[in-house]
Amino acid sequence: MQFRSGLIKSGPIKSIFPFEAVLWDMDGTLIDSEPIWIEEEHRLMQSLGVTWSDEDAKHCLGGPVERVDAYMRSRVKGDHEPLELAFLLIDRMIERLSAGVGFTLGAESLLRAMYGEQLPMALVSASTRKIMDAALKSIGNEFFAFTCSADDVVATKPDPEGYLRAADALGVNIERSLIIEDSVTGMRAAIDSGGYVLGLPHLTVLPEGEKVVHRQSLEGLDLNSLAGLFHAKIAS
């Protein structure tokens, strides 16, 4: 985990914005990395003589790496040590992400608006610390007071530990915080944490919940319109 206490500031957060903090998922939510993951999965499995389908990719969406590795080994003939294929995939992803990765639609402007209003933010990912650090070279590490990877928790997503730790580190109430997610695994962690959740469905149908709102993407959202999506949820 990485904690940057200097980034938690008191300041003029928009009064209409109802959340104490925003906790971001990384892959597919903040950065447009899911196509890269799928492409590298295809290439790795092809090198091992396996045709990797879209359904295979959907099964692995959102990690964690242990589940992805187990699934890949189930598709490959021959013996492979646990996490052997995951490490090969991670090495490929570190190389790709270190070369640069773009934001998802609307994510950068929303992230900068939150940062400009001094809203406490954390990045919580099911990816490894090495992958997170590679991606942060493109994202910008300055936005987040706290970052949490799969290496930093006892149980990664779908367990809510990462989100609970992030809220604790930021000194905010998770039940009054917003989590932005895009995978079934991540959504389960977010919902179980007790936070409000914005789900961004891509390849799969995402879970529903009392504090959940779904939207196709972050495109066109500002702080006011984001708050408006949850008005009925908060008022009820």
C-alpha atoms as a PDB file:
ATOM      1  CA  MET A   1       0.000   0.000   0.000  1.00  0.00           C
ATOM      2  CA  GLN A   2       1.116   3.547  -0.582  1.00  0.00           C
ATOM      3  CA  PHE A   3      -0.178   6.407   1.546  1.00  0.00           C
ATOM      4  CA  ARG A   4       0.560  10.039   0.773  1.00  0.00           C
ATOM      5  CA  SER A   5      -0.748  12.039   3.698  1.00  0.00           C
ATOM      6  CA  GLY A   6       0.046  15.357   2.074  1.00  0.00           C
ATOM      7  CA  LEU A   7      -2.702  14.766  -0.476  1.00  0.00           C
ATOM      8  CA  ILE A   8      -5.511  14.764   2.074  1.00  0.00           C
ATOM      9  CA  LYS A   9      -6.424  18.408   2.270  1.00  0.00           C
ATOM     10  CA  SER A  10      -9.226  20.431   3.717  1.00  0.00           C
ATOM     11  CA  GLY A  11     -10.760  22.553   1.022  1.00  0.00           C
ATOM     12  CA  PRO A  12     -13.883  23.809  -0.738  1.00  0.00           C
ATOM     13  CA  ILE A  13     -15.494  20.619  -2.057  1.00  0.00           C
ATOM     14  CA  LYS A  14     -18.660  21.415  -4.006  1.00  0.00           C
ATOM     15  CA  SER A  15     -21.542  21.468  -1.546  1.00  0.00           C
ATOM     16  CA  ILE A  16     -23.755  19.565  -3.963  1.00  0.00           C
ATOM     17  CA  PHE A  17     -21.318  16.628  -4.049  1.00  0.00           C
ATOM     18  CA  PRO A  18     -22.590  14.186  -1.403  1.00  0.00           C
ATOM     19  CA  PHE A  19     -19.591  11.856  -0.991  1.00  0.00           C
ATOM     20  CA  GLU A  20     -16.696  12.130   1.456  1.00  0.00           C
ATOM     21  CA  ALA A  21     -14.258  10.433  -0.923  1.00  0.00           C
ATOM     22  CA  VAL A  22     -14.028   8.588  -4.232  1.00  0.00           C
ATOM     23  CA  LEU A  23     -12.369   5.178  -4.478  1.00  0.00           C
ATOM     24  CA  TRP A  24     -11.411   4.242  -8.018  1.00  0.00           C
ATOM     25  CA  ASP A  25     -10.896   0.832  -9.541  1.00  0.00           C
ATOM     26  CA  MET A  26      -8.085   0.917 -12.102  1.00  0.00           C
ATOM     27  CA  ASP A  27      -8.298  -1.528 -15.027  1.00  0.00           C
ATOM     28  CA  GLY A  28     -11.181  -0.737 -17.369  1.00  0.00           C
ATOM     29  CA  THR A  29     -12.582   1.887 -15.005  1.00  0.00           C
ATOM     30  CA  LEU A  30      -9.935   4.595 -14.847  1.00  0.00           C
ATOM     31  CA  ILE A  31      -7.588   3.407 -17.583  1.00  0.00           C
ATOM     32  CA  ASP A  32      -8.398   1.723 -20.885  1.00  0.00           C
ATOM     33  CA  SER A  33      -6.354  -1.375 -20.100  1.00  0.00           C
ATOM     34  CA  GLU A  34      -8.907  -4.166 -20.535  1.00  0.00           C
ATOM     35  CA  PRO A  35      -8.248  -4.427 -24.309  1.00  0.00           C
ATOM     36  CA  ILE A  36      -4.531  -4.700 -23.518  1.00  0.00           C
ATOM     37  CA  TRP A  37      -5.153  -7.456 -20.954  1.00  0.00           C
ATOM     38  CA  ILE A  38      -7.273  -9.384 -23.478  1.00  0.00           C
ATOM     39  CA  GLU A  39      -4.716  -8.906 -26.243  1.00  0.00           C
ATOM     40  CA  GLU A  40      -1.866 -10.138 -24.066  1.00  0.00           C
ATOM     41  CA  GLU A  41      -3.951 -13.085 -22.845  1.00  0.00           C
ATOM     42  CA  HIS A  42      -4.571 -14.027 -26.493  1.00  0.00           C
ATOM     43  CA  ARG A  43      -0.872 -13.755 -27.327  1.00  0.00           C
ATOM     44  CA  LEU A  44       0.286 -15.727 -24.305  1.00  0.00           C
ATOM     45  CA  MET A  45      -2.199 -18.532 -24.818  1.00  0.00           C
ATOM     46  CA  GLN A  46      -1.521 -18.638 -28.553  1.00  0.00           C
ATOM     47  CA  SER A  47       2.178 -19.130 -27.769  1.00  0.00           C
ATOM     48  CA  LEU A  48       1.103 -22.140 -25.708  1.00  0.00           C
ATOM     49  CA  GLY A  49      -1.037 -23.577 -28.517  1.00  0.00           C
ATOM     50  CA  VAL A  50      -4.406 -22.515 -27.095  1.00  0.00           C
ATOM     51  CA  THR A  51      -7.093 -20.521 -28.904  1.00  0.00           C
ATOM     52  CA  TRP A  52      -8.334 -17.880 -26.465  1.00  0.00           C
ATOM     53  CA  SER A  53     -11.968 -16.908 -27.051  1.00  0.00           C
ATOM     54  CA  ASP A  54     -13.972 -13.855 -26.030  1.00  0.00           C
ATOM     55  CA  GLU A  55     -15.733 -16.052 -23.473  1.00  0.00           C
ATOM     56  CA  ASP A  56     -12.355 -16.976 -21.984  1.00  0.00           C
ATOM     57  CA  ALA A  57     -11.527 -13.283 -21.706  1.00  0.00           C
ATOM     58  CA  LYS A  58     -14.873 -12.528 -20.025  1.00  0.00           C
ATOM     59  CA  HIS A  59     -14.249 -15.276 -17.492  1.00  0.00           C
ATOM     60  CA  CYS A  60     -10.958 -13.640 -16.485  1.00  0.00           C
ATOM     61  CA  LEU A  61     -12.218 -10.058 -16.457  1.00  0.00           C
ATOM     62  CA  GLY A  62     -11.463  -8.323 -13.164  1.00  0.00           C
ATOM     63  CA  GLY A  63      -8.995 -10.911 -11.853  1.00  0.00           C
ATOM     64  CA  PRO A  64      -7.648 -11.756  -9.367  1.00  0.00           C
ATOM     65  CA  VAL A  65      -4.492 -13.212 -10.871  1.00  0.00           C
ATOM     66  CA  GLU A  66      -4.833 -16.484  -8.952  1.00  0.00           C
ATOM     67  CA  ARG A  67      -8.183 -17.164 -10.601  1.00  0.00           C
ATOM     68  CA  VAL A  68      -6.894 -16.121 -14.044  1.00  0.00           C
ATOM     69  CA  ASP A  69      -3.839 -18.342 -13.644  1.00  0.00           C
ATOM     70  CA  ALA A  70      -5.903 -21.343 -12.562  1.00  0.00           C
ATOM     71  CA  TYR A  71      -8.239 -20.891 -15.517  1.00  0.00           C
ATOM     72  CA  MET A  72      -5.362 -20.560 -17.982  1.00  0.00           C
ATOM     73  CA  ARG A  73      -3.670 -23.684 -16.620  1.00  0.00           C
ATOM     74  CA  SER A  74      -6.948 -25.563 -17.047  1.00  0.00           C
ATOM     75  CA  ARG A  75      -6.857 -24.691 -20.763  1.00  0.00           C
ATOM     76  CA  VAL A  76      -3.237 -25.621 -21.387  1.00  0.00           C
ATOM     77  CA  LYS A  77      -1.902 -29.111 -21.984  1.00  0.00           C
ATOM     78  CA  GLY A  78       1.064 -30.058 -19.826  1.00  0.00           C
ATOM     79  CA  ASP A  79       2.140 -29.175 -16.326  1.00  0.00           C
ATOM     80  CA  HIS A  80       2.625 -25.596 -15.205  1.00  0.00           C
ATOM     81  CA  GLU A  81       3.425 -24.452 -11.702  1.00  0.00           C
ATOM     82  CA  PRO A  82       0.785 -22.380  -9.886  1.00  0.00           C
ATOM     83  CA  LEU A  83       1.081 -18.702 -10.920  1.00  0.00           C
ATOM     84  CA  GLU A  84       3.609 -19.542 -13.647  1.00  0.00           C
ATOM     85  CA  LEU A  85       1.282 -18.313 -16.390  1.00  0.00           C
ATOM     86  CA  ALA A  86       0.135 -15.370 -14.299  1.00  0.00           C
ATOM     87  CA  PHE A  87       3.735 -14.177 -13.924  1.00  0.00           C
ATOM     88  CA  LEU A  88       4.258 -14.423 -17.682  1.00  0.00           C
ATOM     89  CA  LEU A  89       1.106 -12.388 -18.257  1.00  0.00           C
ATOM     90  CA  ILE A  90       2.078  -9.816 -15.625  1.00  0.00           C
ATOM     91  CA  ASP A  91       5.498  -9.319 -17.238  1.00  0.00           C
ATOM     92  CA  ARG A  92       3.785  -8.657 -20.563  1.00  0.00           C
ATOM     93  CA  MET A  93       1.381  -6.175 -18.963  1.00  0.00           C
ATOM     94  CA  ILE A  94       4.126  -4.278 -17.118  1.00  0.00           C
ATOM     95  CA  GLU A  95       5.948  -3.786 -20.413  1.00  0.00           C
ATOM     96  CA  ARG A  96       2.792  -2.599 -22.198  1.00  0.00           C
ATOM     97  CA  LEU A  97       1.560  -0.275 -19.443  1.00  0.00           C
ATOM     98  CA  SER A  98       5.000   1.235 -18.874  1.00  0.00           C
ATOM     99  CA  ALA A  99       4.942   2.345 -22.506  1.00  0.00           C
ATOM    100  CA  GLY A 100       1.764   4.335 -21.819  1.00  0.00           C
ATOM    101  CA  VAL A 101      -1.949   3.722 -21.417  1.00  0.00           C
ATOM    102  CA  GLY A 102      -4.902   6.016 -22.008  1.00  0.00           C
ATOM    103  CA  PHE A 103      -7.812   6.902 -19.748  1.00  0.00           C
ATOM    104  CA  THR A 104     -11.279   5.486 -20.351  1.00  0.00           C
ATOM    105  CA  LEU A 105     -13.843   7.854 -21.867  1.00  0.00           C
ATOM    106  CA  GLY A 106     -14.565  10.725 -19.488  1.00  0.00           C
ATOM    107  CA  ALA A 107     -12.296   9.445 -16.720  1.00  0.00           C
ATOM    108  CA  GLU A 108      -9.495  11.982 -16.974  1.00  0.00           C
ATOM    109  CA  SER A 109     -11.725  15.077 -16.864  1.00  0.00           C
ATOM    110  CA  LEU A 110     -13.700  13.671 -13.927  1.00  0.00           C
ATOM    111  CA  LEU A 111     -10.521  12.710 -12.078  1.00  0.00           C
ATOM    112  CA  ARG A 112      -9.068  16.189 -12.557  1.00  0.00           C
ATOM    113  CA  ALA A 113     -12.315  17.832 -11.423  1.00  0.00           C
ATOM    114  CA  MET A 114     -12.252  15.794  -8.218  1.00  0.00           C
ATOM    115  CA  TYR A 115      -8.607  16.621  -7.645  1.00  0.00           C
ATOM    116  CA  GLY A 116      -9.272  20.294  -8.264  1.00  0.00           C
ATOM    117  CA  GLU A 117     -11.941  20.247  -5.553  1.00  0.00           C
ATOM    118  CA  GLN A 118      -9.494  18.540  -3.172  1.00  0.00           C
ATOM    119  CA  LEU A 119     -11.756  15.516  -2.861  1.00  0.00           C
ATOM    120  CA  PRO A 120      -9.880  12.640  -1.150  1.00  0.00           C
ATOM    121  CA  MET A 121      -9.263   9.816  -3.630  1.00  0.00           C
ATOM    122  CA  ALA A 122      -7.782   6.329  -3.538  1.00  0.00           C
ATOM    123  CA  LEU A 123      -6.924   3.787  -6.211  1.00  0.00           C
ATOM    124  CA  VAL A 124      -7.875   0.191  -5.339  1.00  0.00           C
ATOM    125  CA  SER A 125      -6.959  -2.551  -7.807  1.00  0.00           C
ATOM    126  CA  ALA A 126      -6.933  -6.333  -8.053  1.00  0.00           C
ATOM    127  CA  SER A 127      -3.762  -6.015 -10.119  1.00  0.00           C
ATOM    128  CA  THR A 128      -0.317  -6.464  -8.631  1.00  0.00           C
ATOM    129  CA  ARG A 129       1.722  -3.561  -7.256  1.00  0.00           C
ATOM    130  CA  LYS A 130       4.135  -3.787 -10.208  1.00  0.00           C
ATOM    131  CA  ILE A 131       1.260  -3.414 -12.671  1.00  0.00           C
ATOM    132  CA  MET A 132      -0.280  -0.573 -10.662  1.00  0.00           C
ATOM    133  CA  ASP A 133       3.033   1.282 -10.502  1.00  0.00           C
ATOM    134  CA  ALA A 134       3.537   0.825 -14.253  1.00  0.00           C
ATOM    135  CA  ALA A 135       0.074   2.263 -14.918  1.00  0.00           C
ATOM    136  CA  LEU A 136       0.619   5.177 -12.516  1.00  0.00           C
ATOM    137  CA  LYS A 137       3.406   6.385 -14.787  1.00  0.00           C
ATOM    138  CA  SER A 138       0.653   7.220 -17.285  1.00  0.00           C
ATOM    139  CA  ILE A 139      -2.168   8.104 -14.872  1.00  0.00           C
ATOM    140  CA  GLY A 140      -0.175  10.385 -12.592  1.00  0.00           C
ATOM    141  CA  ASN A 141       0.517   9.385  -9.008  1.00  0.00           C
ATOM    142  CA  GLU A 142      -0.330  12.857  -7.714  1.00  0.00           C
ATOM    143  CA  PHE A 143      -4.089  12.320  -7.778  1.00  0.00           C
ATOM    144  CA  PHE A 144      -4.283   9.643  -5.086  1.00  0.00           C
ATOM    145  CA  ALA A 145      -3.647   9.932  -1.365  1.00  0.00           C
ATOM    146  CA  PHE A 146      -3.719   6.146  -1.078  1.00  0.00           C
ATOM    147  CA  THR A 147      -3.171   3.263  -3.482  1.00  0.00           C
ATOM    148  CA  CYS A 148      -3.878  -0.401  -2.775  1.00  0.00           C
ATOM    149  CA  SER A 149      -2.960  -3.333  -5.006  1.00  0.00           C
ATOM    150  CA  ALA A 150      -3.624  -7.054  -4.727  1.00  0.00           C
ATOM    151  CA  ASP A 151      -0.221  -7.401  -3.059  1.00  0.00           C
ATOM    152  CA  ASP A 152      -1.269  -5.088  -0.245  1.00  0.00           C
ATOM    153  CA  VAL A 153      -4.220  -7.041   1.151  1.00  0.00           C
ATOM    154  CA  VAL A 154      -4.828 -10.445   2.674  1.00  0.00           C
ATOM    155  CA  ALA A 155      -7.860 -10.992   0.437  1.00  0.00           C
ATOM    156  CA  THR A 156      -8.275  -9.153  -2.852  1.00  0.00           C
ATOM    157  CA  LYS A 157     -11.516  -8.513  -4.759  1.00  0.00           C
ATOM    158  CA  PRO A 158     -14.268  -9.779  -4.512  1.00  0.00           C
ATOM    159  CA  ASP A 159     -13.379  -9.305  -0.839  1.00  0.00           C
ATOM    160  CA  PRO A 160     -14.001  -5.672   0.234  1.00  0.00           C
ATOM    161  CA  GLU A 161     -10.753  -5.433   2.239  1.00  0.00           C
ATOM    162  CA  GLY A 162      -9.039  -3.074  -0.208  1.00  0.00           C
ATOM    163  CA  TYR A 163     -11.910  -0.588  -0.195  1.00  0.00           C
ATOM    164  CA  LEU A 164     -12.273  -0.728   3.571  1.00  0.00           C
ATOM    165  CA  ARG A 165      -8.548  -0.103   4.010  1.00  0.00           C
ATOM    166  CA  ALA A 166      -8.696   2.812   1.581  1.00  0.00           C
ATOM    167  CA  ALA A 167     -11.539   4.501   3.455  1.00  0.00           C
ATOM    168  CA  ASP A 168      -9.722   3.987   6.745  1.00  0.00           C
ATOM    169  CA  ALA A 169      -6.496   5.441   5.345  1.00  0.00           C
ATOM    170  CA  LEU A 170      -8.330   8.487   4.012  1.00  0.00           C
ATOM    171  CA  GLY A 171     -10.160   8.949   7.310  1.00  0.00           C
ATOM    172  CA  VAL A 172     -13.603   8.786   5.708  1.00  0.00           C
ATOM    173  CA  ASN A 173     -16.756   6.738   6.241  1.00  0.00           C
ATOM    174  CA  ILE A 174     -16.979   4.025   3.582  1.00  0.00           C
ATOM    175  CA  GLU A 175     -20.773   4.216   3.775  1.00  0.00           C
ATOM    176  CA  ARG A 176     -20.586   7.840   2.630  1.00  0.00           C
ATOM    177  CA  SER A 177     -17.977   7.217  -0.054  1.00  0.00           C
ATOM    178  CA  LEU A 178     -18.338   6.517  -3.779  1.00  0.00           C
ATOM    179  CA  ILE A 179     -16.679   3.546  -5.474  1.00  0.00           C
ATOM    180  CA  ILE A 180     -16.338   3.385  -9.271  1.00  0.00           C
ATOM    181  CA  GLU A 181     -16.060  -0.142 -10.703  1.00  0.00           C
ATOM    182  CA  ASP A 182     -16.497  -2.048 -13.968  1.00  0.00           C
ATOM    183  CA  SER A 183     -16.260  -5.796 -13.252  1.00  0.00           C
ATOM    184  CA  VAL A 184     -18.432  -8.333 -11.445  1.00  0.00           C
ATOM    185  CA  THR A 185     -15.576  -9.144  -9.069  1.00  0.00           C
ATOM    186  CA  GLY A 186     -14.961  -5.501  -8.274  1.00  0.00           C
ATOM    187  CA  MET A 187     -18.651  -4.722  -7.919  1.00  0.00           C
ATOM    188  CA  ARG A 188     -19.070  -7.469  -5.326  1.00  0.00           C
ATOM    189  CA  ALA A 189     -16.204  -6.013  -3.312  1.00  0.00           C
ATOM    190  CA  ALA A 190     -17.621  -2.503  -3.624  1.00  0.00           C
ATOM    191  CA  ILE A 191     -21.169  -3.486  -2.655  1.00  0.00           C
ATOM    192  CA  ASP A 192     -19.991  -5.566   0.304  1.00  0.00           C
ATOM    193  CA  SER A 193     -17.896  -2.655   1.560  1.00  0.00           C
ATOM    194  CA  GLY A 194     -21.047  -0.625   2.199  1.00  0.00           C
ATOM    195  CA  GLY A 195     -20.166   2.231  -0.140  1.00  0.00           C
ATOM    196  CA  TYR A 196     -22.174   3.789  -2.928  1.00  0.00           C
ATOM    197  CA  VAL A 197     -21.187   2.247  -6.257  1.00  0.00           C
ATOM    198  CA  LEU A 198     -21.133   3.487  -9.840  1.00  0.00           C
ATOM    199  CA  GLY A 199     -20.969   0.431 -12.097  1.00  0.00           C
ATOM    200  CA  LEU A 200     -19.696   0.707 -15.667  1.00  0.00           C
ATOM    201  CA  PRO A 201     -20.755  -2.442 -17.543  1.00  0.00           C
ATOM    202  CA  HIS A 202     -18.553  -3.391 -20.482  1.00  0.00           C
ATOM    203  CA  LEU A 203     -18.414  -7.069 -21.383  1.00  0.00           C
ATOM    204  CA  THR A 204     -20.615  -8.429 -18.602  1.00  0.00           C
ATOM    205  CA  VAL A 205     -23.820  -7.661 -16.724  1.00  0.00           C
ATOM    206  CA  LEU A 206     -22.980  -6.137 -13.348  1.00  0.00           C
ATOM    207  CA  PRO A 207     -24.678  -6.794  -9.992  1.00  0.00           C
ATOM    208  CA  GLU A 208     -27.457  -4.555  -8.726  1.00  0.00           C
ATOM    209  CA  GLY A 209     -27.740  -3.127  -5.220  1.00  0.00           C
ATOM    210  CA  GLU A 210     -29.525  -0.609  -3.046  1.00  0.00           C
ATOM    211  CA  LYS A 211     -26.632   1.837  -3.358  1.00  0.00           C
ATOM    212  CA  VAL A 212     -25.688   0.989  -6.949  1.00  0.00           C
ATOM    213  CA  VAL A 213     -26.155   3.037 -10.119  1.00  0.00           C
ATOM    214  CA  HIS A 214     -25.151   1.761 -13.559  1.00  0.00           C
ATOM    215  CA  ARG A 215     -23.957   3.967 -16.412  1.00  0.00           C
ATOM    216  CA  GLN A 216     -22.440   2.961 -19.720  1.00  0.00           C
ATOM    217  CA  SER A 217     -19.339   5.155 -19.265  1.00  0.00           C
ATOM    218  CA  LEU A 218     -17.970   8.222 -17.499  1.00  0.00           C
ATOM    219  CA  GLU A 219     -18.214  10.283 -20.663  1.00  0.00           C
ATOM    220  CA  GLY A 220     -20.011  13.581 -20.154  1.00  0.00           C
ATOM    221  CA  LEU A 221     -20.022  13.422 -16.348  1.00  0.00           C
ATOM    222  CA  ASP A 222     -18.982  16.298 -14.103  1.00  0.00           C
ATOM    223  CA  LEU A 223     -19.273  16.481 -10.318  1.00  0.00           C
ATOM    224  CA  ASN A 224     -22.803  17.876 -10.420  1.00  0.00           C
ATOM    225  CA  SER A 225     -24.180  15.300 -12.852  1.00  0.00           C
ATOM    226  CA  LEU A 226     -22.377  12.499 -11.002  1.00  0.00           C
ATOM    227  CA  ALA A 227     -24.022  13.609  -7.765  1.00  0.00           C
ATOM    228  CA  GLY A 228     -27.358  13.738  -9.553  1.00  0.00           C
ATOM    229  CA  LEU A 229     -27.132  10.067 -10.495  1.00  0.00           C
ATOM    230  CA  PHE A 230     -27.281   9.175  -6.793  1.00  0.00           C
ATOM    231  CA  HIS A 231     -29.803  11.750  -5.604  1.00  0.00           C
ATOM    232  CA  ALA A 232     -32.649   9.243  -5.324  1.00  0.00           C
ATOM    233  CA  LYS A 233     -30.405   6.620  -3.681  1.00  0.00           C
ATOM    234  CA  ILE A 234     -29.222   9.036  -1.015  1.00  0.00           C
ATOM    235  CA  ALA A 235     -32.622  10.584  -0.411  1.00  0.00           C
ATOM    236  CA  SER A 236     -34.393   7.248   0.063  1.00  0.00           C
END
